Amino acid sequence: MDVFAALASPTRREVLRLLRDRGEQPVQSLADHFDMRRPSLSEHLRVLKDAGLVTERPAGRQRLYALRPEPLRELADWLTPYERFWRERIAGLREVLDGLPDD
């Protein structure tokens, strides 16, 4: 599963945020934050797991999920040149706007 495809869903991005902010959690704790049934959330978790963004481990009768941030670092590294590109464009726009007369 592609990391970009996994991150395309706002629900999956929110799951990652919850895991980042609150640490490892069982499915039910995560499901309490969404207006969906647990099987639907489990499908989102499967996509995140297939993309390598979360880990799953059994704990008794529960499955605990945790954030696996390494693929996000790879994504950030890939995006860095684009961030520089846009920063330069915005700086150029600022110069143009600063050169316009005030009305």
PDB file of N, CA and C in Angstrom:
ATOM      1  N   MET A   1       0.855  -1.184   0.000  1.00  0.00           N
ATOM      2  CA  MET A   1       0.000   0.000   0.000  1.00  0.00           C
ATOM      3  C   MET A   1       0.891   1.233   0.000  1.00  0.00           C
ATOM      4  N   ASP A   2       0.542   2.154  -0.819  1.00  0.00           N
ATOM      5  CA  ASP A   2       1.274   3.403  -0.961  1.00  0.00           C
ATOM      6  C   ASP A   2       0.959   4.348   0.206  1.00  0.00           C
ATOM      7  N   VAL A   3       1.987   4.982   0.748  1.00  0.00           N
ATOM      8  CA  VAL A   3       1.810   5.914   1.866  1.00  0.00           C
ATOM      9  C   VAL A   3       0.910   7.070   1.445  1.00  0.00           C
ATOM     10  N   PHE A   4       1.085   7.576   0.226  1.00  0.00           N
ATOM     11  CA  PHE A   4       0.238   8.676  -0.253  1.00  0.00           C
ATOM     12  C   PHE A   4      -1.231   8.266  -0.267  1.00  0.00           C
ATOM     13  N   ALA A   5      -1.523   7.077  -0.737  1.00  0.00           N
ATOM     14  CA  ALA A   5      -2.909   6.603  -0.783  1.00  0.00           C
ATOM     15  C   ALA A   5      -3.458   6.451   0.630  1.00  0.00           C
ATOM     16  N   ALA A   6      -2.641   5.956   1.547  1.00  0.00           N
ATOM     17  CA  ALA A   6      -3.101   5.788   2.926  1.00  0.00           C
ATOM     18  C   ALA A   6      -3.406   7.138   3.564  1.00  0.00           C
ATOM     19  N   LEU A   7      -2.619   8.146   3.241  1.00  0.00           N
ATOM     20  CA  LEU A   7      -2.817   9.469   3.833  1.00  0.00           C
ATOM     21  C   LEU A   7      -3.907  10.285   3.142  1.00  0.00           C
ATOM     22  N   ALA A   8      -4.447   9.776   2.059  1.00  0.00           N
ATOM     23  CA  ALA A   8      -5.479  10.505   1.322  1.00  0.00           C
ATOM     24  C   ALA A   8      -6.768  10.648   2.116  1.00  0.00           C
ATOM     25  N   SER A   9      -6.999   9.771   3.053  1.00  0.00           N
ATOM     26  CA  SER A   9      -8.241   9.781   3.832  1.00  0.00           C
ATOM     27  C   SER A   9      -8.106  10.647   5.084  1.00  0.00           C
ATOM     28  N   PRO A  10      -9.014  11.605   5.282  1.00  0.00           N
ATOM     29  CA  PRO A  10      -8.993  12.403   6.524  1.00  0.00           C
ATOM     30  C   PRO A  10      -9.141  11.530   7.777  1.00  0.00           C
ATOM     31  N   THR A  11      -9.895  10.458   7.679  1.00  0.00           N
ATOM     32  CA  THR A  11     -10.061   9.563   8.826  1.00  0.00           C
ATOM     33  C   THR A  11      -8.729   8.925   9.192  1.00  0.00           C
ATOM     34  N   ARG A  12      -7.999   8.465   8.206  1.00  0.00           N
ATOM     35  CA  ARG A  12      -6.714   7.829   8.493  1.00  0.00           C
ATOM     36  C   ARG A  12      -5.698   8.841   9.022  1.00  0.00           C
ATOM     37  N   ARG A  13      -5.740  10.067   8.506  1.00  0.00           N
ATOM     38  CA  ARG A  13      -4.850  11.097   9.047  1.00  0.00           C
ATOM     39  C   ARG A  13      -5.192  11.384  10.506  1.00  0.00           C
ATOM     40  N   GLU A  14      -6.463  11.393  10.844  1.00  0.00           N
ATOM     41  CA  GLU A  14      -6.879  11.617  12.229  1.00  0.00           C
ATOM     42  C   GLU A  14      -6.454  10.456  13.122  1.00  0.00           C
ATOM     43  N   VAL A  15      -6.545   9.233  12.623  1.00  0.00           N
ATOM     44  CA  VAL A  15      -6.078   8.075  13.390  1.00  0.00           C
ATOM     45  C   VAL A  15      -4.592   8.241  13.704  1.00  0.00           C
ATOM     46  N   LEU A  16      -3.811   8.641  12.725  1.00  0.00           N
ATOM     47  CA  LEU A  16      -2.380   8.851  12.943  1.00  0.00           C
ATOM     48  C   LEU A  16      -2.134   9.943  13.979  1.00  0.00           C
ATOM     49  N   ARG A  17      -2.926  11.012  13.914  1.00  0.00           N
ATOM     50  CA  ARG A  17      -2.786  12.091  14.891  1.00  0.00           C
ATOM     51  C   ARG A  17      -3.081  11.583  16.295  1.00  0.00           C
ATOM     52  N   LEU A  18      -4.146  10.806  16.443  1.00  0.00           N
ATOM     53  CA  LEU A  18      -4.500  10.248  17.751  1.00  0.00           C
ATOM     54  C   LEU A  18      -3.384   9.354  18.289  1.00  0.00           C
ATOM     55  N   LEU A  19      -2.831   8.528  17.432  1.00  0.00           N
ATOM     56  CA  LEU A  19      -1.744   7.649  17.859  1.00  0.00           C
ATOM     57  C   LEU A  19      -0.487   8.450  18.195  1.00  0.00           C
ATOM     58  N   ARG A  20      -0.245   9.507  17.452  1.00  0.00           N
ATOM     59  CA  ARG A  20       0.908  10.366  17.745  1.00  0.00           C
ATOM     60  C   ARG A  20       0.737  11.058  19.104  1.00  0.00           C
ATOM     61  N   ASP A  21      -0.445  11.599  19.341  1.00  0.00           N
ATOM     62  CA  ASP A  21      -0.691  12.392  20.549  1.00  0.00           C
ATOM     63  C   ASP A  21      -0.912  11.547  21.795  1.00  0.00           C
ATOM     64  N   ARG A  22      -1.525  10.365  21.637  1.00  0.00           N
ATOM     65  CA  ARG A  22      -1.928   9.569  22.800  1.00  0.00           C
ATOM     66  C   ARG A  22      -1.220   8.239  22.926  1.00  0.00           C
ATOM     67  N   GLY A  23      -0.379   7.919  21.950  1.00  0.00           N
ATOM     68  CA  GLY A  23       0.357   6.666  22.017  1.00  0.00           C
ATOM     69  C   GLY A  23      -0.494   5.470  21.622  1.00  0.00           C
ATOM     70  N   GLU A  24       0.038   4.312  21.899  1.00  0.00           N
ATOM     71  CA  GLU A  24      -0.593   3.039  21.533  1.00  0.00           C
ATOM     72  C   GLU A  24      -2.003   2.950  22.108  1.00  0.00           C
ATOM     73  N   GLN A  25      -2.944   2.464  21.261  1.00  0.00           N
ATOM     74  CA  GLN A  25      -4.350   2.385  21.681  1.00  0.00           C
ATOM     75  C   GLN A  25      -5.043   1.177  21.070  1.00  0.00           C
ATOM     76  N   PRO A  26      -6.046   0.650  21.776  1.00  0.00           N
ATOM     77  CA  PRO A  26      -6.863  -0.415  21.182  1.00  0.00           C
ATOM     78  C   PRO A  26      -7.860   0.175  20.185  1.00  0.00           C
ATOM     79  N   VAL A  27      -8.390  -0.684  19.343  1.00  0.00           N
ATOM     80  CA  VAL A  27      -9.338  -0.251  18.316  1.00  0.00           C
ATOM     81  C   VAL A  27     -10.513   0.506  18.927  1.00  0.00           C
ATOM     82  N   GLN A  28     -11.062   0.005  20.016  1.00  0.00           N
ATOM     83  CA  GLN A  28     -12.247   0.643  20.592  1.00  0.00           C
ATOM     84  C   GLN A  28     -11.965   2.071  21.043  1.00  0.00           C
ATOM     85  N   SER A  29     -10.798   2.321  21.620  1.00  0.00           N
ATOM     86  CA  SER A  29     -10.447   3.689  22.033  1.00  0.00           C
ATOM     87  C   SER A  29     -10.372   4.611  20.827  1.00  0.00           C
ATOM     88  N   LEU A  30      -9.815   4.107  19.741  1.00  0.00           N
ATOM     89  CA  LEU A  30      -9.757   4.907  18.518  1.00  0.00           C
ATOM     90  C   LEU A  30     -11.150   5.112  17.944  1.00  0.00           C
ATOM     91  N   ALA A  31     -11.954   4.060  17.944  1.00  0.00           N
ATOM     92  CA  ALA A  31     -13.306   4.127  17.369  1.00  0.00           C
ATOM     93  C   ALA A  31     -14.184   5.137  18.094  1.00  0.00           C
ATOM     94  N   ASP A  32     -13.932   5.352  19.375  1.00  0.00           N
ATOM     95  CA  ASP A  32     -14.732   6.308  20.148  1.00  0.00           C
ATOM     96  C   ASP A  32     -14.621   7.727  19.604  1.00  0.00           C
ATOM     97  N   HIS A  33     -13.613   8.009  18.801  1.00  0.00           N
ATOM     98  CA  HIS A  33     -13.400   9.347  18.246  1.00  0.00           C
ATOM     99  C   HIS A  33     -14.097   9.559  16.899  1.00  0.00           C
ATOM    100  N   PHE A  34     -14.733   8.519  16.387  1.00  0.00           N
ATOM    101  CA  PHE A  34     -15.316   8.598  15.049  1.00  0.00           C
ATOM    102  C   PHE A  34     -16.775   8.181  15.070  1.00  0.00           C
ATOM    103  N   ASP A  35     -17.510   8.708  14.118  1.00  0.00           N
ATOM    104  CA  ASP A  35     -18.911   8.339  13.953  1.00  0.00           C
ATOM    105  C   ASP A  35     -19.002   7.225  12.911  1.00  0.00           C
ATOM    106  N   MET A  36     -18.444   6.081  13.272  1.00  0.00           N
ATOM    107  CA  MET A  36     -18.487   4.926  12.379  1.00  0.00           C
ATOM    108  C   MET A  36     -18.404   3.665  13.226  1.00  0.00           C
ATOM    109  N   ARG A  37     -18.800   2.588  12.653  1.00  0.00           N
ATOM    110  CA  ARG A  37     -18.728   1.306  13.350  1.00  0.00           C
ATOM    111  C   ARG A  37     -17.281   0.818  13.408  1.00  0.00           C
ATOM    112  N   ARG A  38     -17.046  -0.007  14.374  1.00  0.00           N
ATOM    113  CA  ARG A  38     -15.695  -0.526  14.586  1.00  0.00           C
ATOM    114  C   ARG A  38     -15.131  -1.273  13.363  1.00  0.00           C
ATOM    115  N   PRO A  39     -15.930  -2.086  12.648  1.00  0.00           N
ATOM    116  CA  PRO A  39     -15.382  -2.745  11.451  1.00  0.00           C
ATOM    117  C   PRO A  39     -14.893  -1.751  10.389  1.00  0.00           C
ATOM    118  N   SER A  40     -15.577  -0.608  10.281  1.00  0.00           N
ATOM    119  CA  SER A  40     -15.140   0.409   9.310  1.00  0.00           C
ATOM    120  C   SER A  40     -13.793   0.993   9.725  1.00  0.00           C
ATOM    121  N   LEU A  41     -13.640   1.269  11.009  1.00  0.00           N
ATOM    122  CA  LEU A  41     -12.364   1.784  11.482  1.00  0.00           C
ATOM    123  C   LEU A  41     -11.269   0.730  11.323  1.00  0.00           C
ATOM    124  N   SER A  42     -11.618  -0.524  11.556  1.00  0.00           N
ATOM    125  CA  SER A  42     -10.644  -1.601  11.379  1.00  0.00           C
ATOM    126  C   SER A  42     -10.123  -1.650   9.951  1.00  0.00           C
ATOM    127  N   GLU A  43     -10.978  -1.340   8.986  1.00  0.00           N
ATOM    128  CA  GLU A  43     -10.545  -1.293   7.584  1.00  0.00           C
ATOM    129  C   GLU A  43      -9.530  -0.163   7.384  1.00  0.00           C
ATOM    130  N   HIS A  44      -9.783   0.993   7.977  1.00  0.00           N
ATOM    131  CA  HIS A  44      -8.825   2.098   7.895  1.00  0.00           C
ATOM    132  C   HIS A  44      -7.498   1.699   8.540  1.00  0.00           C
ATOM    133  N   LEU A  45      -7.566   1.017   9.671  1.00  0.00           N
ATOM    134  CA  LEU A  45      -6.349   0.578  10.346  1.00  0.00           C
ATOM    135  C   LEU A  45      -5.576  -0.433   9.499  1.00  0.00           C
ATOM    136  N   ARG A  46      -6.297  -1.284   8.793  1.00  0.00           N
ATOM    137  CA  ARG A  46      -5.640  -2.244   7.904  1.00  0.00           C
ATOM    138  C   ARG A  46      -4.873  -1.526   6.798  1.00  0.00           C
ATOM    139  N   VAL A  47      -5.475  -0.486   6.227  1.00  0.00           N
ATOM    140  CA  VAL A  47      -4.805   0.285   5.178  1.00  0.00           C
ATOM    141  C   VAL A  47      -3.536   0.937   5.739  1.00  0.00           C
ATOM    142  N   LEU A  48      -3.640   1.509   6.932  1.00  0.00           N
ATOM    143  CA  LEU A  48      -2.471   2.132   7.558  1.00  0.00           C
ATOM    144  C   LEU A  48      -1.389   1.099   7.861  1.00  0.00           C
ATOM    145  N   LYS A  49      -1.812  -0.068   8.298  1.00  0.00           N
ATOM    146  CA  LYS A  49      -0.853  -1.140   8.588  1.00  0.00           C
ATOM    147  C   LYS A  49      -0.181  -1.614   7.304  1.00  0.00           C
ATOM    148  N   ASP A  50      -0.952  -1.811   6.235  1.00  0.00           N
ATOM    149  CA  ASP A  50      -0.394  -2.247   4.954  1.00  0.00           C
ATOM    150  C   ASP A  50       0.609  -1.229   4.396  1.00  0.00           C
ATOM    151  N   ALA A  51       0.386   0.052   4.705  1.00  0.00           N
ATOM    152  CA  ALA A  51       1.292   1.107   4.248  1.00  0.00           C
ATOM    153  C   ALA A  51       2.504   1.248   5.171  1.00  0.00           C
ATOM    154  N   GLY A  52       2.519   0.490   6.262  1.00  0.00           N
ATOM    155  CA  GLY A  52       3.640   0.546   7.192  1.00  0.00           C
ATOM    156  C   GLY A  52       3.583   1.713   8.157  1.00  0.00           C
ATOM    157  N   LEU A  53       2.429   2.381   8.252  1.00  0.00           N
ATOM    158  CA  LEU A  53       2.301   3.566   9.099  1.00  0.00           C
ATOM    159  C   LEU A  53       1.917   3.250  10.540  1.00  0.00           C
ATOM    160  N   VAL A  54       1.375   2.067  10.781  1.00  0.00           N
ATOM    161  CA  VAL A  54       1.044   1.650  12.145  1.00  0.00           C
ATOM    162  C   VAL A  54       1.488   0.204  12.348  1.00  0.00           C
ATOM    163  N   THR A  55       1.694  -0.120  13.607  1.00  0.00           N
ATOM    164  CA  THR A  55       1.955  -1.508  13.979  1.00  0.00           C
ATOM    165  C   THR A  55       0.761  -2.004  14.779  1.00  0.00           C
ATOM    166  N   GLU A  56       0.600  -3.308  14.776  1.00  0.00           N
ATOM    167  CA  GLU A  56      -0.500  -3.945  15.496  1.00  0.00           C
ATOM    168  C   GLU A  56       0.102  -5.062  16.341  1.00  0.00           C
ATOM    169  N   ARG A  57      -0.347  -5.127  17.603  1.00  0.00           N
ATOM    170  CA  ARG A  57       0.115  -6.239  18.442  1.00  0.00           C
ATOM    171  C   ARG A  57      -1.039  -6.702  19.309  1.00  0.00           C
ATOM    172  N   PRO A  58      -1.116  -8.008  19.491  1.00  0.00           N
ATOM    173  CA  PRO A  58      -2.181  -8.546  20.355  1.00  0.00           C
ATOM    174  C   PRO A  58      -1.853  -8.282  21.823  1.00  0.00           C
ATOM    175  N   ALA A  59      -2.901  -8.009  22.578  1.00  0.00           N
ATOM    176  CA  ALA A  59      -2.778  -7.832  24.030  1.00  0.00           C
ATOM    177  C   ALA A  59      -4.042  -8.430  24.640  1.00  0.00           C
ATOM    178  N   GLY A  60      -3.974  -9.695  24.985  1.00  0.00           N
ATOM    179  CA  GLY A  60      -5.180 -10.387  25.452  1.00  0.00           C
ATOM    180  C   GLY A  60      -6.164 -10.508  24.314  1.00  0.00           C
ATOM    181  N   ARG A  61      -7.386 -10.033  24.552  1.00  0.00           N
ATOM    182  CA  ARG A  61      -8.420 -10.103  23.506  1.00  0.00           C
ATOM    183  C   ARG A  61      -8.438  -8.865  22.620  1.00  0.00           C
ATOM    184  N   GLN A  62      -7.559  -7.925  22.889  1.00  0.00           N
ATOM    185  CA  GLN A  62      -7.518  -6.688  22.113  1.00  0.00           C
ATOM    186  C   GLN A  62      -6.343  -6.687  21.143  1.00  0.00           C
ATOM    187  N   ARG A  63      -6.422  -5.784  20.209  1.00  0.00           N
ATOM    188  CA  ARG A  63      -5.302  -5.499  19.320  1.00  0.00           C
ATOM    189  C   ARG A  63      -4.941  -4.043  19.570  1.00  0.00           C
ATOM    190  N   LEU A  64      -3.666  -3.802  19.861  1.00  0.00           N
ATOM    191  CA  LEU A  64      -3.192  -2.446  20.119  1.00  0.00           C
ATOM    192  C   LEU A  64      -2.472  -1.916  18.892  1.00  0.00           C
ATOM    193  N   TYR A  65      -2.740  -0.660  18.587  1.00  0.00           N
ATOM    194  CA  TYR A  65      -2.136  -0.014  17.424  1.00  0.00           C
ATOM    195  C   TYR A  65      -1.235   1.118  17.889  1.00  0.00           C
ATOM    196  N   ALA A  66      -0.109   1.266  17.192  1.00  0.00           N
ATOM    197  CA  ALA A  66       0.850   2.321  17.493  1.00  0.00           C
ATOM    198  C   ALA A  66       1.349   2.930  16.190  1.00  0.00           C
ATOM    199  N   LEU A  67       1.697   4.184  16.261  1.00  0.00           N
ATOM    200  CA  LEU A  67       2.256   4.891  15.114  1.00  0.00           C
ATOM    201  C   LEU A  67       3.652   4.358  14.797  1.00  0.00           C
ATOM    202  N   ARG A  68       3.901   4.202  13.527  1.00  0.00           N
ATOM    203  CA  ARG A  68       5.240   3.845  13.034  1.00  0.00           C
ATOM    204  C   ARG A  68       5.673   5.008  12.147  1.00  0.00           C
ATOM    205  N   PRO A  69       6.473   5.941  12.678  1.00  0.00           N
ATOM    206  CA  PRO A  69       6.728   7.199  11.968  1.00  0.00           C
ATOM    207  C   PRO A  69       7.739   7.135  10.828  1.00  0.00           C
ATOM    208  N   GLU A  70       8.479   6.057  10.665  1.00  0.00           N
ATOM    209  CA  GLU A  70       9.529   6.017   9.641  1.00  0.00           C
ATOM    210  C   GLU A  70       9.031   6.344   8.228  1.00  0.00           C
ATOM    211  N   PRO A  71       7.893   5.792   7.779  1.00  0.00           N
ATOM    212  CA  PRO A  71       7.432   6.159   6.430  1.00  0.00           C
ATOM    213  C   PRO A  71       7.104   7.649   6.302  1.00  0.00           C
ATOM    214  N   LEU A  72       6.708   8.278   7.397  1.00  0.00           N
ATOM    215  CA  LEU A  72       6.422   9.710   7.349  1.00  0.00           C
ATOM    216  C   LEU A  72       7.712  10.509   7.197  1.00  0.00           C
ATOM    217  N   ARG A  73       8.812  10.035   7.772  1.00  0.00           N
ATOM    218  CA  ARG A  73      10.107  10.697   7.607  1.00  0.00           C
ATOM    219  C   ARG A  73      10.531  10.595   6.149  1.00  0.00           C
ATOM    220  N   GLU A  74      10.340   9.442   5.547  1.00  0.00           N
ATOM    221  CA  GLU A  74      10.665   9.271   4.132  1.00  0.00           C
ATOM    222  C   GLU A  74       9.828  10.216   3.276  1.00  0.00           C
ATOM    223  N   LEU A  75       8.557  10.367   3.623  1.00  0.00           N
ATOM    224  CA  LEU A  75       7.669  11.280   2.902  1.00  0.00           C
ATOM    225  C   LEU A  75       8.141  12.723   3.072  1.00  0.00           C
ATOM    226  N   ALA A  76       8.495  13.102   4.294  1.00  0.00           N
ATOM    227  CA  ALA A  76       8.990  14.457   4.555  1.00  0.00           C
ATOM    228  C   ALA A  76      10.269  14.728   3.769  1.00  0.00           C
ATOM    229  N   ASP A  77      11.158  13.745   3.712  1.00  0.00           N
ATOM    230  CA  ASP A  77      12.391  13.904   2.937  1.00  0.00           C
ATOM    231  C   ASP A  77      12.083  14.103   1.454  1.00  0.00           C
ATOM    232  N   TRP A  78      11.102  13.395   0.952  1.00  0.00           N
ATOM    233  CA  TRP A  78      10.718  13.514  -0.450  1.00  0.00           C
ATOM    234  C   TRP A  78      10.106  14.897  -0.719  1.00  0.00           C
ATOM    235  N   LEU A  79       9.351  15.426   0.252  1.00  0.00           N
ATOM    236  CA  LEU A  79       8.667  16.708   0.073  1.00  0.00           C
ATOM    237  C   LEU A  79       9.577  17.925   0.244  1.00  0.00           C
ATOM    238  N   THR A  80      10.723  17.763   0.878  1.00  0.00           N
ATOM    239  CA  THR A  80      11.607  18.898   1.182  1.00  0.00           C
ATOM    240  C   THR A  80      11.938  19.756  -0.038  1.00  0.00           C
ATOM    241  N   PRO A  81      12.313  19.198  -1.178  1.00  0.00           N
ATOM    242  CA  PRO A  81      12.612  20.057  -2.328  1.00  0.00           C
ATOM    243  C   PRO A  81      11.390  20.872  -2.789  1.00  0.00           C
ATOM    244  N   TYR A  82      10.204  20.316  -2.644  1.00  0.00           N
ATOM    245  CA  TYR A  82       8.994  21.043  -3.035  1.00  0.00           C
ATOM    246  C   TYR A  82       8.705  22.175  -2.061  1.00  0.00           C
ATOM    247  N   GLU A  83       9.008  21.945  -0.802  1.00  0.00           N
ATOM    248  CA  GLU A  83       8.830  22.994   0.196  1.00  0.00           C
ATOM    249  C   GLU A  83       9.753  24.178  -0.132  1.00  0.00           C
ATOM    250  N   ARG A  84      11.011  23.886  -0.476  1.00  0.00           N
ATOM    251  CA  ARG A  84      11.947  24.945  -0.876  1.00  0.00           C
ATOM    252  C   ARG A  84      11.434  25.691  -2.105  1.00  0.00           C
ATOM    253  N   PHE A  85      10.908  24.940  -3.067  1.00  0.00           N
ATOM    254  CA  PHE A  85      10.365  25.535  -4.293  1.00  0.00           C
ATOM    255  C   PHE A  85       9.290  26.564  -3.954  1.00  0.00           C
ATOM    256  N   TRP A  86       8.326  26.177  -3.105  1.00  0.00           N
ATOM    257  CA  TRP A  86       7.235  27.081  -2.769  1.00  0.00           C
ATOM    258  C   TRP A  86       7.700  28.240  -1.893  1.00  0.00           C
ATOM    259  N   ARG A  87       8.649  28.001  -1.018  1.00  0.00           N
ATOM    260  CA  ARG A  87       9.180  29.079  -0.184  1.00  0.00           C
ATOM    261  C   ARG A  87       9.822  30.156  -1.058  1.00  0.00           C
ATOM    262  N   GLU A  88      10.572  29.732  -2.073  1.00  0.00           N
ATOM    263  CA  GLU A  88      11.194  30.681  -2.992  1.00  0.00           C
ATOM    264  C   GLU A  88      10.137  31.450  -3.784  1.00  0.00           C
ATOM    265  N   ARG A  89       9.088  30.770  -4.217  1.00  0.00           N
ATOM    266  CA  ARG A  89       8.023  31.441  -4.980  1.00  0.00           C
ATOM    267  C   ARG A  89       7.296  32.470  -4.120  1.00  0.00           C
ATOM    268  N   ILE A  90       7.042  32.124  -2.882  1.00  0.00           N
ATOM    269  CA  ILE A  90       6.343  33.050  -1.974  1.00  0.00           C
ATOM    270  C   ILE A  90       7.235  34.247  -1.660  1.00  0.00           C
ATOM    271  N   ALA A  91       8.520  34.012  -1.483  1.00  0.00           N
ATOM    272  CA  ALA A  91       9.451  35.126  -1.246  1.00  0.00           C
ATOM    273  C   ALA A  91       9.459  36.059  -2.452  1.00  0.00           C
ATOM    274  N   GLY A  92       9.430  35.498  -3.662  1.00  0.00           N
ATOM    275  CA  GLY A  92       9.368  36.313  -4.874  1.00  0.00           C
ATOM    276  C   GLY A  92       8.083  37.121  -4.947  1.00  0.00           C
ATOM    277  N   LEU A  93       6.983  36.517  -4.573  1.00  0.00           N
ATOM    278  CA  LEU A  93       5.707  37.232  -4.559  1.00  0.00           C
ATOM    279  C   LEU A  93       5.747  38.363  -3.537  1.00  0.00           C
ATOM    280  N   ARG A  94       6.346  38.120  -2.391  1.00  0.00           N
ATOM    281  CA  ARG A  94       6.455  39.153  -1.347  1.00  0.00           C
ATOM    282  C   ARG A  94       7.231  40.357  -1.886  1.00  0.00           C
ATOM    283  N   GLU A  95       8.320  40.089  -2.621  1.00  0.00           N
ATOM    284  CA  GLU A  95       9.109  41.187  -3.185  1.00  0.00           C
ATOM    285  C   GLU A  95       8.278  42.001  -4.168  1.00  0.00           C
ATOM    286  N   VAL A  96       7.510  41.322  -5.009  1.00  0.00           N
ATOM    287  CA  VAL A  96       6.661  42.022  -5.980  1.00  0.00           C
ATOM    288  C   VAL A  96       5.621  42.861  -5.244  1.00  0.00           C
ATOM    289  N   LEU A  97       4.977  42.292  -4.256  1.00  0.00           N
ATOM    290  CA  LEU A  97       3.942  43.021  -3.513  1.00  0.00           C
ATOM    291  C   LEU A  97       4.521  44.195  -2.731  1.00  0.00           C
ATOM    292  N   ASP A  98       5.707  44.002  -2.163  1.00  0.00           N
ATOM    293  CA  ASP A  98       6.357  45.100  -1.436  1.00  0.00           C
ATOM    294  C   ASP A  98       6.723  46.255  -2.377  1.00  0.00           C
ATOM    295  N   GLY A  99       6.945  45.964  -3.645  1.00  0.00           N
ATOM    296  CA  GLY A  99       7.291  46.987  -4.619  1.00  0.00           C
ATOM    297  C   GLY A  99       6.107  47.756  -5.165  1.00  0.00           C
ATOM    298  N   LEU A 100       4.901  47.303  -4.901  1.00  0.00           N
ATOM    299  CA  LEU A 100       3.704  47.998  -5.383  1.00  0.00           C
ATOM    300  C   LEU A 100       3.418  49.219  -4.513  1.00  0.00           C
ATOM    301  N   PRO A 101       2.909  50.284  -5.136  1.00  0.00           N
ATOM    302  CA  PRO A 101       2.574  51.472  -4.334  1.00  0.00           C
ATOM    303  C   PRO A 101       1.377  51.184  -3.411  1.00  0.00           C
ATOM    304  N   ASP A 102       1.417  51.793  -2.237  1.00  0.00           N
ATOM    305  CA  ASP A 102       0.297  51.652  -1.297  1.00  0.00           C
ATOM    306  C   ASP A 102      -0.836  52.555  -1.756  1.00  0.00           C
ATOM    307  N   ASP A 103      -2.029  52.039  -1.755  1.00  0.00           N
ATOM    308  CA  ASP A 103      -3.207  52.848  -2.133  1.00  0.00           C
ATOM    309  C   ASP A 103      -4.108  53.046  -0.960  1.00  0.00           C
TER     310      ASP A 103
END
